[in-house]
Amino acid sequence: MLLKQIKILLFTFIIFFTLLNSAKASNECFEGVSRSVFKFNMAFDSIVLEPVAKGYNKLPRVIKSGANNFTSNIATLLSIPNSLLQGNFKELGNATGSILINSTVGILGIFNPAEKLGFKPHKEDVGQTLGVYGFGPGCYYVLPILGPTTLRDSFGLVVDSFIDPFAHVTIRENEIFGISGNELDYFSVKGTGAIDFRSNNINNFDSLEKNSIDLYSSMKSIYLQDRQNKIKNSVSEQDDWGSLDN
C-alpha cells in the first residue's frame, strides 16, 4: 500500500514539474478568472485591509516596530530549511544566527539586535528553492486573498507548511522542543504580517492605482520581478515595496 502511494506521489510530481517547465510566467493559466479574483481582492483591500492598515499606522512606532520584528523573526524560521536545501550556507548561518539572537536577547523577536550584529537573512521559501534548482515559475494566476502567484509558488506554498517549524507547531499541531501552538497563532501572525506590509505601502498602492492603465498587469509585473529578484537574492534590484511574500 505504501509503495503504491509513493508511486502515485512520484507520478504526480513528474506531471507537475513537466507542466511547470512547459509554461512561462508571462502566460496566464486562466486570465478571465484571475481578473475576477483580482477585482474581489481589490474590493477586500478597500473594505477591510486598507482601513485596518491605516488604523495600524496610527499606533505608536514602538508597537509597530515590535510587531514587524516579531513577525519577521518567525518568518525567518522558514529560511533555515530552504537555505540548507539551496546549499547556501552563508544564508543558513545568517538565518540561524538571527533566530537565535532575536528569540533570546531580542525577547522572542520583539527587538532585532541580530541586525546590528550583521545578521541580515533573506527570506527564503520553497518556491525560491525550486527556482534556484532551475524550475521555471509556470503560468501566472491570482488566488483569493493571497493574491498573485504562479504554479511553482503555489506548490511551494503547500510544501512550506510541511517544512516550516512554525507551521508544524501551529496548523499541524506538532510539538518541537516543548513548544506548541494552534491554528489561531499561525493565522494571527500571518495576518499581522499582511497588515504590517499593507501599512508600510499605502502610498505605493495609491500611486500604482492612480498611475496604472491596467492595474492587474502592473501588479503581475511587480510580483514576477520581485520573485525573480528573491531567487537571485538580488538586494540591489529590490524596489520600494519590501516583501511581497504570500
Protein backbone atom coordinates (compact mmCIF):
# COMPACT_ATOMS: atom_id res chain seq x y z
CA MET A 1 0.00 0.00 0.00
CA LEU A 2 2.82 2.38 0.95
CA LEU A 3 4.72 1.56 -2.25
CA LYS A 4 1.60 2.32 -4.28
CA GLN A 5 1.21 5.71 -2.55
CA ILE A 6 4.86 6.55 -3.22
CA LYS A 7 4.43 5.67 -6.91
CA ILE A 8 1.34 7.88 -7.14
CA LEU A 9 3.21 10.73 -5.42
CA LEU A 10 6.20 10.42 -7.74
CA PHE A 11 3.92 10.31 -10.79
CA THR A 12 2.14 13.46 -9.56
CA PHE A 13 5.48 15.24 -9.11
CA ILE A 14 6.61 14.25 -12.61
CA ILE A 15 3.39 15.57 -14.17
CA PHE A 16 3.53 18.73 -12.07
CA PHE A 17 7.12 19.60 -12.92
CA THR A 18 6.55 18.81 -16.59
CA LEU A 19 3.72 21.35 -16.61
CA LEU A 20 5.88 23.74 -14.58
CA ASN A 21 8.67 23.86 -17.10
CA SER A 22 6.39 23.93 -20.14
CA ALA A 23 4.58 27.10 -19.05
CA LYS A 24 6.03 30.59 -18.77
CA ALA A 25 5.12 33.10 -16.09
CA SER A 26 4.09 35.56 -18.77
CA ASN A 27 1.36 33.10 -19.73
CA GLU A 28 -1.91 33.06 -17.84
CA CYS A 29 -3.47 29.84 -16.55
CA PHE A 30 -6.95 31.39 -16.72
CA GLU A 31 -6.76 35.16 -17.11
CA GLY A 32 -10.51 35.80 -17.05
CA VAL A 33 -10.92 34.05 -13.71
CA SER A 34 -7.77 35.69 -12.33
CA ARG A 35 -9.02 39.16 -13.24
CA SER A 36 -12.31 38.44 -11.47
CA VAL A 37 -10.44 37.22 -8.39
CA PHE A 38 -8.22 40.30 -8.59
CA LYS A 39 -11.31 42.55 -8.51
CA PHE A 40 -12.55 40.65 -5.45
CA ASN A 41 -9.17 41.10 -3.77
CA MET A 42 -9.18 44.82 -4.52
CA ALA A 43 -12.66 45.13 -3.00
CA PHE A 44 -11.49 43.20 0.08
CA ASP A 45 -8.48 45.50 0.33
CA SER A 46 -10.64 48.61 0.04
CA ILE A 47 -13.25 47.48 2.57
CA VAL A 48 -11.11 45.60 5.08
CA LEU A 49 -7.33 45.63 4.69
CA GLU A 50 -6.67 49.28 3.82
CA PRO A 51 -8.80 50.75 6.67
CA VAL A 52 -7.18 48.33 9.16
CA ALA A 53 -3.73 49.24 7.82
CA LYS A 54 -4.43 52.96 8.21
CA GLY A 55 -5.57 52.38 11.78
CA TYR A 56 -2.47 50.28 12.39
CA ASN A 57 -0.33 53.19 11.17
CA LYS A 58 -1.69 55.33 13.99
CA LEU A 59 -0.22 53.02 16.63
CA PRO A 60 2.94 54.17 18.44
CA ARG A 61 6.09 53.50 16.45
CA VAL A 62 7.47 51.18 19.15
CA ILE A 63 4.43 48.88 18.83
CA LYS A 64 4.62 48.79 15.04
CA SER A 65 8.35 48.12 15.16
CA GLY A 66 7.90 45.32 17.70
CA ALA A 67 5.15 43.68 15.63
CA ASN A 68 7.25 43.91 12.46
CA ASN A 69 10.29 42.42 14.20
CA PHE A 70 8.23 39.62 15.78
CA THR A 71 6.54 38.51 12.54
CA SER A 72 9.81 38.81 10.58
CA ASN A 73 11.60 36.68 13.16
CA ILE A 74 9.02 33.92 12.84
CA ALA A 75 9.12 34.16 9.03
CA THR A 76 12.89 33.65 9.17
CA LEU A 77 12.31 30.13 10.53
CA LEU A 78 11.28 29.02 7.04
CA SER A 79 14.57 30.35 5.65
CA ILE A 80 16.61 27.81 7.62
CA PRO A 81 15.48 24.60 5.85
CA ASN A 82 15.28 26.37 2.48
CA SER A 83 18.79 27.81 2.75
CA LEU A 84 20.00 24.32 3.61
CA LEU A 85 18.19 22.82 0.60
CA GLN A 86 19.71 25.51 -1.63
CA GLY A 87 23.19 24.75 -0.31
CA ASN A 88 23.51 28.41 0.66
CA PHE A 89 25.40 28.04 3.92
CA LYS A 90 26.06 31.77 4.28
CA GLU A 91 22.31 32.45 4.34
CA LEU A 92 21.81 29.40 6.57
CA GLY A 93 24.20 30.97 9.09
CA ASN A 94 22.51 34.37 8.80
CA ALA A 95 19.04 32.90 9.35
CA THR A 96 20.09 30.64 12.22
CA GLY A 97 22.09 33.36 13.94
CA SER A 98 19.27 35.86 13.55
CA ILE A 99 16.69 33.47 15.00
CA LEU A 100 18.86 32.50 17.98
CA ILE A 101 19.83 36.07 18.89
CA ASN A 102 16.44 37.72 18.32
CA SER A 103 14.49 34.95 20.05
CA THR A 104 16.64 35.26 23.18
CA VAL A 105 18.34 38.64 23.54
CA GLY A 106 15.64 40.22 21.37
CA ILE A 107 12.86 38.86 23.63
CA LEU A 108 11.06 36.48 21.26
CA GLY A 109 11.91 38.67 18.29
CA ILE A 110 10.24 41.86 19.51
CA PHE A 111 13.62 43.55 19.17
CA ASN A 112 16.17 42.98 16.41
CA PRO A 113 19.69 43.04 17.88
CA ALA A 114 20.81 40.46 15.30
CA GLU A 115 20.68 43.06 12.53
CA LYS A 116 23.02 45.35 14.47
CA LEU A 117 25.42 42.41 14.73
CA GLY A 118 25.38 41.94 10.97
CA PHE A 119 22.83 39.13 10.62
CA LYS A 120 20.50 40.13 7.77
CA PRO A 121 18.95 36.94 6.38
CA HIS A 122 16.99 36.84 3.15
CA LYS A 123 13.50 35.38 3.35
CA GLU A 124 13.60 32.01 1.58
CA ASP A 125 10.74 29.68 0.69
CA VAL A 126 10.21 26.51 -1.33
CA GLY A 127 9.14 28.46 -4.41
CA GLN A 128 12.52 30.22 -4.38
CA THR A 129 14.32 26.95 -3.72
CA LEU A 130 12.68 25.38 -6.78
CA GLY A 131 13.72 28.45 -8.77
CA VAL A 132 17.33 28.02 -7.62
CA TYR A 133 17.19 24.42 -8.89
CA GLY A 134 16.14 25.70 -12.30
CA PHE A 135 12.40 25.10 -12.23
CA GLY A 136 10.51 27.80 -14.10
CA PRO A 137 7.65 29.69 -12.50
CA GLY A 138 4.91 28.13 -14.59
CA CYS A 139 1.84 30.11 -15.54
CA TYR A 140 0.58 33.06 -13.52
CA TYR A 141 -2.75 33.44 -11.74
CA VAL A 142 -4.36 35.15 -8.74
CA LEU A 143 -5.64 33.48 -5.58
CA PRO A 144 -8.43 34.87 -3.38
CA ILE A 145 -6.97 36.96 -0.52
CA LEU A 146 -3.46 35.51 -1.03
CA GLY A 147 -3.07 37.40 -4.30
CA PRO A 148 -0.61 36.90 -7.20
CA THR A 149 1.16 33.57 -7.59
CA THR A 150 2.48 31.07 -10.12
CA LEU A 151 2.21 27.31 -10.47
CA ARG A 152 5.65 26.90 -8.85
CA ASP A 153 4.93 29.28 -5.99
CA SER A 154 1.55 27.72 -5.24
CA PHE A 155 3.16 24.30 -4.99
CA GLY A 156 5.88 25.85 -2.83
CA LEU A 157 3.29 27.40 -0.55
CA VAL A 158 1.85 23.96 0.22
CA VAL A 159 5.27 22.38 0.81
CA ASP A 160 6.25 25.33 3.03
CA SER A 161 3.62 24.21 5.53
CA PHE A 162 5.42 20.86 5.87
CA ILE A 163 8.94 22.20 6.42
CA ASP A 164 8.23 25.46 8.26
CA PRO A 165 8.84 24.87 12.01
CA PHE A 166 6.22 27.50 12.91
CA ALA A 167 3.61 25.75 10.75
CA HIS A 168 4.48 22.45 12.43
CA VAL A 169 3.72 23.74 15.92
CA THR A 170 0.57 25.59 14.88
CA ILE A 171 -1.54 24.41 11.94
CA ARG A 172 -0.01 20.91 12.05
CA GLU A 173 -0.30 20.81 15.85
CA ASN A 174 3.06 19.13 16.48
CA GLU A 175 5.44 19.88 19.33
CA ILE A 176 9.04 20.98 18.77
CA PHE A 177 11.38 21.41 21.74
CA GLY A 178 8.38 21.59 24.07
CA ILE A 179 6.79 24.39 22.03
CA SER A 180 3.28 24.02 20.64
CA GLY A 181 0.54 26.26 19.30
CA ASN A 182 -2.66 26.23 17.27
CA GLU A 183 -4.15 27.49 14.02
CA LEU A 184 -5.15 30.80 15.62
CA ASP A 185 -1.49 31.53 16.40
CA TYR A 186 -0.49 30.81 12.81
CA PHE A 187 -3.13 32.95 11.13
CA SER A 188 -2.75 35.75 13.69
CA VAL A 189 0.94 36.07 12.87
CA LYS A 190 0.33 35.83 9.12
CA GLY A 191 -2.48 38.38 9.35
CA THR A 192 -0.35 40.79 11.35
CA GLY A 193 2.42 40.45 8.78
CA ALA A 194 -0.01 41.26 5.95
CA ILE A 195 -1.35 44.31 7.78
CA ASP A 196 2.19 45.49 8.54
CA PHE A 197 3.15 45.15 4.87
CA ARG A 198 0.00 46.97 3.71
CA SER A 199 0.51 49.79 6.21
CA ASN A 200 4.09 50.31 5.00
CA ASN A 201 2.97 50.52 1.38
CA ILE A 202 -0.15 52.68 1.47
CA ASN A 203 1.46 55.38 -0.68
CA ASN A 204 2.89 52.82 -3.10
CA PHE A 205 -0.51 51.19 -3.60
CA ASP A 206 -2.23 54.56 -4.06
CA SER A 207 0.35 55.73 -6.59
CA LEU A 208 0.20 52.47 -8.55
CA GLU A 209 -3.59 52.53 -8.63
CA LYS A 210 -3.69 56.13 -9.86
CA ASN A 211 -0.98 55.79 -12.50
CA SER A 212 -1.63 52.32 -13.94
CA ILE A 213 -3.54 51.93 -17.17
CA ASP A 214 -4.08 48.26 -16.29
CA LEU A 215 -3.63 47.69 -12.54
CA TYR A 216 -3.88 43.91 -12.94
CA SER A 217 -0.94 43.84 -15.38
CA SER A 218 1.08 46.23 -13.24
CA MET A 219 0.68 44.04 -10.13
CA LYS A 220 1.58 40.98 -12.20
CA SER A 221 4.78 42.63 -13.40
CA ILE A 222 5.76 43.74 -9.88
CA TYR A 223 5.12 40.29 -8.41
CA LEU A 224 7.08 38.37 -11.07
CA GLN A 225 10.03 40.77 -10.87
CA ASP A 226 10.03 40.59 -7.07
CA ARG A 227 10.08 36.78 -7.13
CA GLN A 228 12.91 36.73 -9.66
CA ASN A 229 14.92 39.13 -7.50
CA LYS A 230 14.37 36.93 -4.46
CA ILE A 231 15.56 33.81 -6.29
CA LYS A 232 18.76 35.67 -7.23
CA ASN A 233 19.00 37.21 -3.71
CA SER A 234 19.32 40.49 -5.55
CA VAL A 235 19.16 43.25 -2.93
CA SER A 236 20.27 45.98 -5.33
CA GLU A 237 17.30 45.34 -7.63
CA GLN A 238 14.68 45.46 -4.89
CA ASP A 239 12.14 48.24 -5.28
CA ASP A 240 10.43 50.24 -2.54
CA TRP A 241 7.75 47.63 -1.92
CA GLY A 242 9.60 45.46 0.58
CA SER A 243 8.50 41.84 0.79
CA LEU A 244 5.70 40.63 -1.48
CA ASP A 245 5.50 37.17 0.07
CA ASN A 246 2.11 35.43 0.16
